[in-house]
């Protein structure tokens, strides 16, 4: 199951549908991210695969590649953990926050943001394919946003909760 939301500056996210407390993904050895622009992050394999797939989709359409942003990644990971803990796929945090609130908490100053969430997909490839086959999710992936961050956490029953955060920093 997937869900998408996006906004400019202070737009409000809407909650989505329910699903399955939390087992974090096992840590894996990070590998360096390719450098479509200034990159400093060392990404988990699942996140590197998402970044590669998203940037391939963007390239096919003549769009600039996303740069990975650690602050967006922090916001995405925290939201994946929150969803997995509650066993609920939603754009609304357990504290009532929307995606923009959670991004702002990391110190990221944005002009635009968007969020894709999903649960139950067993691989990065499967979740990206599902998002690209959904008009709202694909619109977020193919938007004018320039940066991305990812999150992945597992509920106690083993279901993966995926989050993508997109942003364009303020100048």
N, C-alpha and C. Protein backbone atom coordinates (compact mmCIF):
# COMPACT_ATOMS: atom_id res chain seq x y z
N UNK A 1 0.84 -1.16 0.00
CA UNK A 1 0.00 0.00 0.00
C UNK A 1 0.89 1.23 0.00
N UNK A 2 0.47 2.28 -0.72
CA UNK A 2 1.25 3.50 -0.81
C UNK A 2 0.38 4.71 -0.59
N UNK A 3 1.00 5.85 -0.29
CA UNK A 3 0.30 7.11 -0.14
C UNK A 3 1.27 8.25 -0.44
N UNK A 4 0.75 9.34 -1.02
CA UNK A 4 1.58 10.49 -1.38
C UNK A 4 0.95 11.76 -0.88
N UNK A 5 1.79 12.75 -0.56
CA UNK A 5 1.33 14.09 -0.24
C UNK A 5 2.44 15.06 -0.58
N UNK A 6 2.08 16.29 -0.87
CA UNK A 6 3.09 17.31 -1.15
C UNK A 6 2.53 18.67 -0.81
N UNK A 7 3.42 19.65 -0.71
CA UNK A 7 3.01 21.00 -0.37
C UNK A 7 4.09 21.99 -0.71
N UNK A 8 3.69 23.24 -0.75
CA UNK A 8 4.66 24.31 -0.80
C UNK A 8 4.63 25.00 0.55
N UNK A 9 5.76 25.45 1.00
CA UNK A 9 5.99 26.10 2.30
C UNK A 9 5.22 25.42 3.42
N UNK A 10 4.02 25.85 3.76
CA UNK A 10 3.35 25.33 4.95
C UNK A 10 2.08 24.57 4.63
N UNK A 11 2.04 23.85 3.53
CA UNK A 11 0.86 23.07 3.19
C UNK A 11 0.61 21.98 4.20
N UNK A 12 -0.62 21.53 4.28
CA UNK A 12 -1.03 20.54 5.27
C UNK A 12 -1.12 19.16 4.64
N UNK A 13 -0.56 18.19 5.29
CA UNK A 13 -0.65 16.81 4.83
C UNK A 13 -1.95 16.20 5.31
N UNK A 14 -2.43 15.20 4.57
CA UNK A 14 -3.65 14.52 5.00
C UNK A 14 -3.33 13.09 5.38
N UNK A 15 -3.94 12.59 6.45
CA UNK A 15 -3.69 11.21 6.85
C UNK A 15 -4.24 10.25 5.82
N UNK A 16 -3.63 9.12 5.75
CA UNK A 16 -4.06 8.11 4.80
C UNK A 16 -4.50 6.85 5.54
N UNK A 17 -4.29 5.71 4.96
CA UNK A 17 -4.89 4.48 5.44
C UNK A 17 -4.07 3.70 6.47
N UNK A 18 -4.76 2.82 7.23
CA UNK A 18 -4.10 2.03 8.27
C UNK A 18 -3.31 0.85 7.73
N UNK A 19 -2.48 0.28 8.54
CA UNK A 19 -1.73 -0.91 8.21
C UNK A 19 -1.16 -1.59 9.46
N UNK A 20 0.21 -2.54 9.65
CA UNK A 20 0.88 -3.07 10.84
C UNK A 20 1.95 -2.27 11.47
N UNK A 21 4.72 -2.31 16.19
CA UNK A 21 5.78 -1.67 16.87
C UNK A 21 7.06 -1.92 16.14
N UNK A 22 8.26 -1.81 16.39
CA UNK A 22 9.24 -1.53 15.36
C UNK A 22 10.50 -2.35 15.49
N UNK A 23 10.91 -2.90 14.43
CA UNK A 23 12.22 -3.52 14.34
C UNK A 23 12.93 -2.76 13.23
N UNK A 24 13.97 -2.05 13.58
CA UNK A 24 14.71 -1.29 12.58
C UNK A 24 15.38 -2.24 11.60
N UNK A 25 15.55 -1.75 10.39
CA UNK A 25 16.25 -2.55 9.40
C UNK A 25 17.65 -2.83 9.90
N UNK A 26 18.15 -4.04 9.67
CA UNK A 26 19.49 -4.34 10.15
C UNK A 26 20.50 -3.44 9.46
N UNK A 27 21.46 -2.92 10.23
CA UNK A 27 22.44 -2.05 9.61
C UNK A 27 23.30 -2.83 8.62
N UNK A 28 23.57 -2.20 7.51
CA UNK A 28 24.42 -2.81 6.51
C UNK A 28 25.57 -1.86 6.24
N UNK A 29 26.64 -2.41 5.68
CA UNK A 29 27.77 -1.55 5.38
C UNK A 29 27.36 -0.54 4.32
N UNK A 30 27.51 0.76 4.62
CA UNK A 30 27.15 1.76 3.63
C UNK A 30 28.19 1.80 2.51
N UNK A 31 27.75 2.25 1.35
CA UNK A 31 28.69 2.45 0.26
C UNK A 31 28.52 3.88 -0.24
N UNK A 32 29.54 4.43 -0.83
CA UNK A 32 29.45 5.83 -1.27
C UNK A 32 28.37 6.01 -2.32
N UNK A 33 27.68 7.14 -2.22
CA UNK A 33 26.65 7.47 -3.19
C UNK A 33 27.31 8.01 -4.46
N UNK A 34 26.72 7.75 -5.64
CA UNK A 34 27.25 8.38 -6.83
C UNK A 34 27.07 9.88 -6.72
N UNK A 35 27.78 10.62 -7.51
CA UNK A 35 27.81 12.06 -7.33
C UNK A 35 27.10 12.81 -8.46
N UNK A 36 25.74 12.87 -8.46
CA UNK A 36 25.06 13.66 -9.47
C UNK A 36 25.23 15.14 -9.20
N UNK A 37 25.57 15.49 -8.00
CA UNK A 37 25.81 16.86 -7.57
C UNK A 37 26.65 16.73 -6.33
N UNK A 38 26.73 17.78 -5.53
CA UNK A 38 27.51 17.63 -4.30
C UNK A 38 26.85 16.61 -3.38
N UNK A 39 27.54 15.53 -3.10
CA UNK A 39 27.03 14.45 -2.27
C UNK A 39 28.00 14.23 -1.11
N UNK A 40 27.47 14.00 0.07
CA UNK A 40 28.33 13.69 1.20
C UNK A 40 27.86 12.43 1.92
N UNK A 41 26.68 11.96 1.60
CA UNK A 41 26.07 10.86 2.35
C UNK A 41 26.64 9.51 1.96
N UNK A 42 26.72 8.63 2.94
CA UNK A 42 27.00 7.22 2.70
C UNK A 42 25.65 6.53 2.87
N UNK A 43 25.15 5.91 1.81
CA UNK A 43 23.79 5.39 1.84
C UNK A 43 23.73 3.89 2.05
N UNK A 44 22.69 3.46 2.78
CA UNK A 44 22.37 2.04 2.88
C UNK A 44 22.04 1.54 1.48
N UNK A 45 22.28 0.27 1.20
CA UNK A 45 22.01 -0.25 -0.15
C UNK A 45 20.58 0.01 -0.63
N UNK A 46 19.58 -0.14 0.27
CA UNK A 46 18.19 0.10 -0.13
C UNK A 46 17.98 1.55 -0.55
N UNK A 47 18.67 2.45 0.11
CA UNK A 47 18.51 3.86 -0.20
C UNK A 47 19.28 4.22 -1.48
N UNK A 48 20.46 3.64 -1.65
CA UNK A 48 21.21 3.88 -2.88
C UNK A 48 20.42 3.37 -4.08
N UNK A 49 19.79 2.21 -3.93
CA UNK A 49 19.00 1.67 -5.03
C UNK A 49 17.83 2.59 -5.36
N UNK A 50 17.16 3.11 -4.34
CA UNK A 50 16.08 4.06 -4.60
C UNK A 50 16.60 5.29 -5.32
N UNK A 51 17.70 5.85 -4.83
CA UNK A 51 18.26 7.05 -5.45
C UNK A 51 18.60 6.79 -6.91
N UNK A 52 19.23 5.66 -7.19
CA UNK A 52 19.57 5.31 -8.57
C UNK A 52 18.32 5.18 -9.43
N UNK A 53 17.30 4.50 -8.91
CA UNK A 53 16.07 4.32 -9.68
C UNK A 53 15.34 5.63 -9.92
N UNK A 54 15.25 6.47 -8.88
CA UNK A 54 14.58 7.76 -9.05
C UNK A 54 15.31 8.61 -10.06
N UNK A 55 16.63 8.65 -9.96
CA UNK A 55 17.39 9.49 -10.88
C UNK A 55 17.35 8.96 -12.31
N UNK A 56 17.23 7.65 -12.48
CA UNK A 56 17.05 7.09 -13.83
C UNK A 56 15.70 7.52 -14.41
N UNK A 57 14.65 7.47 -13.59
CA UNK A 57 13.33 7.93 -14.05
C UNK A 57 13.37 9.41 -14.42
N UNK A 58 14.02 10.20 -13.59
CA UNK A 58 14.12 11.64 -13.86
C UNK A 58 14.94 11.90 -15.13
N UNK A 59 16.02 11.17 -15.30
CA UNK A 59 16.87 11.34 -16.48
C UNK A 59 16.10 11.03 -17.76
N UNK A 60 15.29 9.97 -17.74
CA UNK A 60 14.49 9.61 -18.92
C UNK A 60 13.55 10.73 -19.34
N UNK A 61 13.23 11.60 -18.41
CA UNK A 61 12.30 12.70 -18.69
C UNK A 61 13.01 14.05 -18.77
N UNK A 62 14.33 14.01 -18.83
CA UNK A 62 15.10 15.24 -18.97
C UNK A 62 15.18 16.08 -17.71
N UNK A 63 14.95 15.47 -16.55
CA UNK A 63 15.00 16.19 -15.28
C UNK A 63 16.35 15.99 -14.61
N UNK A 64 16.76 16.98 -13.83
CA UNK A 64 18.02 16.89 -13.09
C UNK A 64 17.92 15.81 -12.02
N UNK A 65 19.04 15.17 -11.69
CA UNK A 65 19.01 14.14 -10.65
C UNK A 65 18.80 14.76 -9.27
N UNK A 66 18.23 13.95 -8.38
CA UNK A 66 18.13 14.36 -6.98
C UNK A 66 19.51 14.27 -6.34
N UNK A 67 19.78 15.17 -5.42
CA UNK A 67 20.92 15.04 -4.50
C UNK A 67 20.35 14.50 -3.20
N UNK A 68 21.08 13.58 -2.56
CA UNK A 68 20.63 13.05 -1.28
C UNK A 68 20.90 14.09 -0.20
N UNK A 69 19.92 14.29 0.69
CA UNK A 69 20.06 15.25 1.78
C UNK A 69 19.87 14.53 3.11
N UNK A 70 20.87 14.64 3.99
CA UNK A 70 20.83 13.96 5.29
C UNK A 70 19.66 14.41 6.16
N UNK A 71 19.33 15.71 6.14
CA UNK A 71 18.23 16.18 6.97
C UNK A 71 16.91 15.59 6.50
N UNK A 72 16.70 15.54 5.20
CA UNK A 72 15.49 14.89 4.68
C UNK A 72 15.50 13.40 5.04
N UNK A 73 16.68 12.79 5.00
CA UNK A 73 16.81 11.39 5.40
C UNK A 73 16.47 11.17 6.87
N UNK A 74 16.90 12.10 7.73
CA UNK A 74 16.57 12.00 9.16
C UNK A 74 15.06 12.08 9.37
N UNK A 75 14.43 13.02 8.68
CA UNK A 75 12.97 13.18 8.81
C UNK A 75 12.25 11.93 8.28
N UNK A 76 12.73 11.39 7.17
CA UNK A 76 12.12 10.20 6.58
C UNK A 76 12.28 8.99 7.50
N UNK A 77 13.49 8.80 8.05
CA UNK A 77 13.73 7.65 8.92
C UNK A 77 12.88 7.74 10.18
N UNK A 78 12.82 8.93 10.78
CA UNK A 78 12.00 9.10 11.99
C UNK A 78 10.54 8.79 11.70
N UNK A 79 10.06 9.19 10.52
CA UNK A 79 8.65 8.92 10.20
C UNK A 79 8.42 7.43 9.93
N UNK A 80 9.35 6.78 9.27
CA UNK A 80 9.21 5.33 9.06
C UNK A 80 9.16 4.59 10.40
N UNK A 81 10.02 4.98 11.34
CA UNK A 81 10.02 4.36 12.67
C UNK A 81 8.68 4.61 13.36
N UNK A 82 8.19 5.84 13.29
CA UNK A 82 6.91 6.18 13.92
C UNK A 82 5.77 5.35 13.33
N UNK A 83 5.73 5.23 12.02
CA UNK A 83 4.68 4.44 11.38
C UNK A 83 4.78 2.97 11.78
N UNK A 84 5.99 2.42 11.76
CA UNK A 84 6.18 1.01 12.11
C UNK A 84 5.81 0.75 13.57
N UNK A 85 6.16 1.67 14.45
CA UNK A 85 5.78 1.53 15.87
C UNK A 85 4.27 1.48 16.04
N UNK A 86 3.57 2.28 15.25
CA UNK A 86 2.10 2.34 15.35
C UNK A 86 1.41 1.33 14.45
N UNK A 87 2.19 0.70 13.57
CA UNK A 87 1.63 -0.20 12.57
C UNK A 87 0.54 0.50 11.78
N UNK A 88 0.88 1.71 11.31
CA UNK A 88 -0.08 2.57 10.62
C UNK A 88 0.64 3.38 9.56
N UNK A 89 0.26 3.20 8.31
CA UNK A 89 0.81 4.02 7.23
C UNK A 89 0.00 5.31 7.16
N UNK A 90 0.68 6.43 7.33
CA UNK A 90 0.00 7.71 7.38
C UNK A 90 1.00 8.83 7.13
N UNK A 91 0.49 9.98 6.70
CA UNK A 91 1.33 11.18 6.58
C UNK A 91 1.31 12.00 7.86
N UNK A 92 0.48 11.62 8.82
CA UNK A 92 0.38 12.35 10.08
C UNK A 92 1.18 11.61 11.15
N UNK A 93 2.09 12.32 11.83
CA UNK A 93 2.90 11.72 12.88
C UNK A 93 2.07 11.43 14.12
N UNK A 94 2.60 10.60 15.01
CA UNK A 94 1.90 10.26 16.24
C UNK A 94 1.68 11.49 17.12
N UNK A 95 2.46 12.54 16.88
CA UNK A 95 2.32 13.80 17.62
C UNK A 95 1.44 14.81 16.88
N UNK A 96 0.81 14.38 15.79
CA UNK A 96 -0.05 15.26 15.01
C UNK A 96 0.69 16.04 13.94
N UNK A 97 1.99 15.83 13.80
CA UNK A 97 2.79 16.59 12.83
C UNK A 97 2.47 16.18 11.40
N UNK A 98 2.70 17.13 10.48
CA UNK A 98 2.62 16.83 9.06
C UNK A 98 4.05 16.71 8.52
N UNK A 99 4.22 16.28 7.28
CA UNK A 99 5.58 16.10 6.74
C UNK A 99 6.43 17.37 6.82
N UNK A 100 5.85 18.52 6.55
CA UNK A 100 6.61 19.77 6.64
C UNK A 100 7.11 20.04 8.04
N UNK A 101 6.28 19.75 9.04
CA UNK A 101 6.70 19.91 10.44
C UNK A 101 7.93 19.06 10.74
N UNK A 102 7.88 17.80 10.30
CA UNK A 102 8.98 16.87 10.60
C UNK A 102 10.25 17.24 9.86
N UNK A 103 10.12 17.74 8.65
CA UNK A 103 11.29 18.21 7.90
C UNK A 103 11.89 19.43 8.60
N UNK A 104 11.04 20.36 8.98
CA UNK A 104 11.48 21.59 9.65
C UNK A 104 12.26 21.28 10.93
N UNK A 105 11.83 20.26 11.68
CA UNK A 105 12.50 19.89 12.94
C UNK A 105 13.97 19.51 12.74
N UNK A 106 14.34 19.07 11.57
CA UNK A 106 15.73 18.70 11.31
C UNK A 106 16.60 19.92 11.03
N UNK A 107 15.97 21.09 10.88
CA UNK A 107 16.70 22.30 10.54
C UNK A 107 16.72 22.59 9.05
N UNK A 108 16.11 21.72 8.25
CA UNK A 108 16.06 21.93 6.80
C UNK A 108 15.09 23.06 6.51
N UNK A 109 15.57 24.07 5.83
CA UNK A 109 14.72 25.21 5.44
C UNK A 109 14.30 25.01 3.98
N UNK A 110 13.02 24.79 3.79
CA UNK A 110 12.54 24.42 2.46
C UNK A 110 11.68 25.49 1.83
N UNK A 111 11.66 25.43 0.52
CA UNK A 111 10.70 26.20 -0.27
C UNK A 111 9.52 25.29 -0.61
N UNK A 112 9.80 24.04 -0.92
CA UNK A 112 8.78 23.04 -1.25
C UNK A 112 9.14 21.72 -0.58
N UNK A 113 8.14 20.89 -0.35
CA UNK A 113 8.38 19.54 0.14
C UNK A 113 7.32 18.60 -0.41
N UNK A 114 7.62 17.32 -0.37
CA UNK A 114 6.66 16.27 -0.72
C UNK A 114 7.06 15.02 0.05
N UNK A 115 6.12 14.11 0.20
CA UNK A 115 6.39 12.86 0.91
C UNK A 115 5.64 11.72 0.24
N UNK A 116 6.32 10.60 0.07
CA UNK A 116 5.70 9.34 -0.32
C UNK A 116 5.89 8.36 0.83
N UNK A 117 4.86 7.61 1.16
CA UNK A 117 4.96 6.55 2.16
C UNK A 117 4.36 5.27 1.60
N UNK A 118 4.86 4.15 2.09
CA UNK A 118 4.34 2.84 1.67
C UNK A 118 4.68 1.83 2.75
N UNK A 119 3.96 0.70 2.74
CA UNK A 119 4.32 -0.40 3.63
C UNK A 119 4.08 -1.72 2.92
N UNK A 120 4.82 -2.72 3.37
CA UNK A 120 4.59 -4.07 2.87
C UNK A 120 5.44 -4.47 1.68
N UNK A 121 6.09 -3.55 1.02
CA UNK A 121 6.91 -3.89 -0.15
C UNK A 121 8.25 -4.43 0.33
N UNK A 122 8.66 -5.58 -0.19
CA UNK A 122 9.83 -6.28 0.31
C UNK A 122 11.17 -5.80 -0.19
N UNK A 123 11.19 -4.87 -1.14
CA UNK A 123 12.46 -4.38 -1.66
C UNK A 123 12.31 -2.94 -2.13
N UNK A 124 13.46 -2.27 -2.26
CA UNK A 124 13.47 -0.90 -2.78
C UNK A 124 12.90 -0.88 -4.20
N UNK A 125 13.28 -1.86 -4.99
CA UNK A 125 12.79 -1.91 -6.36
C UNK A 125 11.26 -2.02 -6.40
N UNK A 126 10.70 -2.90 -5.59
CA UNK A 126 9.25 -3.09 -5.58
C UNK A 126 8.52 -1.83 -5.17
N UNK A 127 9.01 -1.13 -4.16
CA UNK A 127 8.30 0.07 -3.70
C UNK A 127 8.44 1.20 -4.71
N UNK A 128 9.60 1.35 -5.34
CA UNK A 128 9.75 2.41 -6.35
C UNK A 128 8.87 2.13 -7.56
N UNK A 129 8.79 0.87 -7.98
CA UNK A 129 7.90 0.52 -9.10
C UNK A 129 6.46 0.87 -8.74
N UNK A 130 6.04 0.53 -7.52
CA UNK A 130 4.67 0.85 -7.10
C UNK A 130 4.44 2.36 -7.10
N UNK A 131 5.39 3.12 -6.57
CA UNK A 131 5.23 4.57 -6.56
C UNK A 131 5.19 5.14 -7.98
N UNK A 132 6.01 4.62 -8.87
CA UNK A 132 6.02 5.14 -10.25
C UNK A 132 4.73 4.77 -10.99
N UNK A 133 4.04 3.72 -10.55
CA UNK A 133 2.77 3.34 -11.17
C UNK A 133 1.57 4.06 -10.56
N UNK A 134 1.82 4.95 -9.63
CA UNK A 134 0.77 5.74 -8.98
C UNK A 134 0.95 7.20 -9.36
N UNK A 135 -0.04 7.82 -9.98
CA UNK A 135 0.14 9.20 -10.45
C UNK A 135 0.59 10.19 -9.37
N UNK A 136 0.03 10.13 -8.17
CA UNK A 136 0.42 11.08 -7.12
C UNK A 136 1.86 10.89 -6.67
N UNK A 137 2.27 9.63 -6.55
CA UNK A 137 3.65 9.34 -6.13
C UNK A 137 4.63 9.70 -7.23
N UNK A 138 4.29 9.32 -8.45
CA UNK A 138 5.17 9.65 -9.58
C UNK A 138 5.33 11.16 -9.71
N UNK A 139 4.25 11.91 -9.47
CA UNK A 139 4.33 13.37 -9.54
C UNK A 139 5.33 13.90 -8.52
N UNK A 140 5.35 13.33 -7.32
CA UNK A 140 6.34 13.75 -6.32
C UNK A 140 7.76 13.43 -6.78
N UNK A 141 7.95 12.25 -7.33
CA UNK A 141 9.27 11.82 -7.80
C UNK A 141 9.74 12.68 -8.97
N UNK A 142 8.82 13.08 -9.82
CA UNK A 142 9.18 13.84 -11.03
C UNK A 142 8.96 15.34 -10.86
N UNK A 143 8.82 15.79 -9.63
CA UNK A 143 8.57 17.20 -9.34
C UNK A 143 9.82 18.04 -9.53
N UNK A 144 9.67 19.33 -9.28
CA UNK A 144 10.80 20.25 -9.37
C UNK A 144 11.68 20.22 -8.13
N UNK A 145 11.32 19.42 -7.12
CA UNK A 145 12.18 19.31 -5.94
C UNK A 145 13.56 18.82 -6.36
N UNK A 146 14.58 19.23 -5.62
CA UNK A 146 15.97 18.95 -6.00
C UNK A 146 16.69 17.98 -5.07
N UNK A 147 16.11 17.72 -3.90
CA UNK A 147 16.79 16.87 -2.92
C UNK A 147 15.82 15.81 -2.40
N UNK A 148 16.40 14.72 -1.89
CA UNK A 148 15.59 13.60 -1.42
C UNK A 148 16.26 12.96 -0.20
N UNK A 149 15.45 12.33 0.64
CA UNK A 149 15.94 11.52 1.75
C UNK A 149 15.01 10.33 1.92
N UNK A 150 15.52 9.24 2.50
CA UNK A 150 14.77 8.00 2.59
C UNK A 150 14.72 7.48 4.02
N UNK A 151 13.67 6.74 4.32
CA UNK A 151 13.55 6.04 5.60
C UNK A 151 12.99 4.65 5.39
N UNK A 152 13.39 3.73 6.26
CA UNK A 152 12.89 2.36 6.22
C UNK A 152 12.96 1.79 7.63
N UNK A 153 11.84 1.29 8.13
CA UNK A 153 11.78 0.63 9.43
C UNK A 153 10.80 -0.53 9.33
N UNK A 154 10.99 -1.51 10.21
CA UNK A 154 10.15 -2.71 10.20
C UNK A 154 9.31 -2.78 11.46
N UNK A 155 8.05 -3.14 11.30
CA UNK A 155 7.18 -3.38 12.45
C UNK A 155 7.60 -4.69 13.10
N UNK A 156 7.09 -4.95 14.31
CA UNK A 156 7.47 -6.19 15.01
C UNK A 156 7.05 -7.44 14.25
N UNK A 157 6.05 -7.31 13.39
CA UNK A 157 5.66 -8.47 12.58
C UNK A 157 6.38 -8.51 11.24
N UNK A 158 7.40 -7.65 11.08
CA UNK A 158 8.27 -7.74 9.91
C UNK A 158 7.87 -6.94 8.70
N UNK A 159 6.80 -6.15 8.79
CA UNK A 159 6.40 -5.35 7.62
C UNK A 159 7.29 -4.12 7.48
N UNK A 160 7.83 -3.88 6.27
CA UNK A 160 8.64 -2.69 6.05
C UNK A 160 7.76 -1.46 5.82
N UNK A 161 8.18 -0.35 6.41
CA UNK A 161 7.53 0.96 6.23
C UNK A 161 8.55 1.88 5.57
N UNK A 162 8.23 2.31 4.36
CA UNK A 162 9.12 3.13 3.54
C UNK A 162 8.65 4.58 3.54
N UNK A 163 9.59 5.51 3.58
CA UNK A 163 9.27 6.93 3.45
C UNK A 163 10.28 7.58 2.52
N UNK A 164 9.78 8.41 1.62
CA UNK A 164 10.62 9.29 0.81
C UNK A 164 10.22 10.71 1.15
N UNK A 165 11.21 11.56 1.41
CA UNK A 165 10.99 12.99 1.63
C UNK A 165 11.70 13.73 0.51
N UNK A 166 10.99 14.65 -0.10
CA UNK A 166 11.55 15.47 -1.17
C UNK A 166 11.56 16.91 -0.72
N UNK A 167 12.54 17.68 -1.15
CA UNK A 167 12.57 19.09 -0.77
C UNK A 167 13.36 19.92 -1.75
N UNK A 168 13.06 21.19 -1.71
CA UNK A 168 13.86 22.21 -2.39
C UNK A 168 14.23 23.22 -1.31
N UNK A 169 15.53 23.40 -1.07
CA UNK A 169 15.92 24.33 -0.01
C UNK A 169 15.63 25.78 -0.40
N UNK A 170 15.39 26.58 0.64
CA UNK A 170 15.25 28.02 0.40
C UNK A 170 16.59 28.57 0.01
N UNK A 171 16.56 29.56 -0.85
CA UNK A 171 17.82 30.20 -1.29
C UNK A 171 18.37 31.10 -0.22
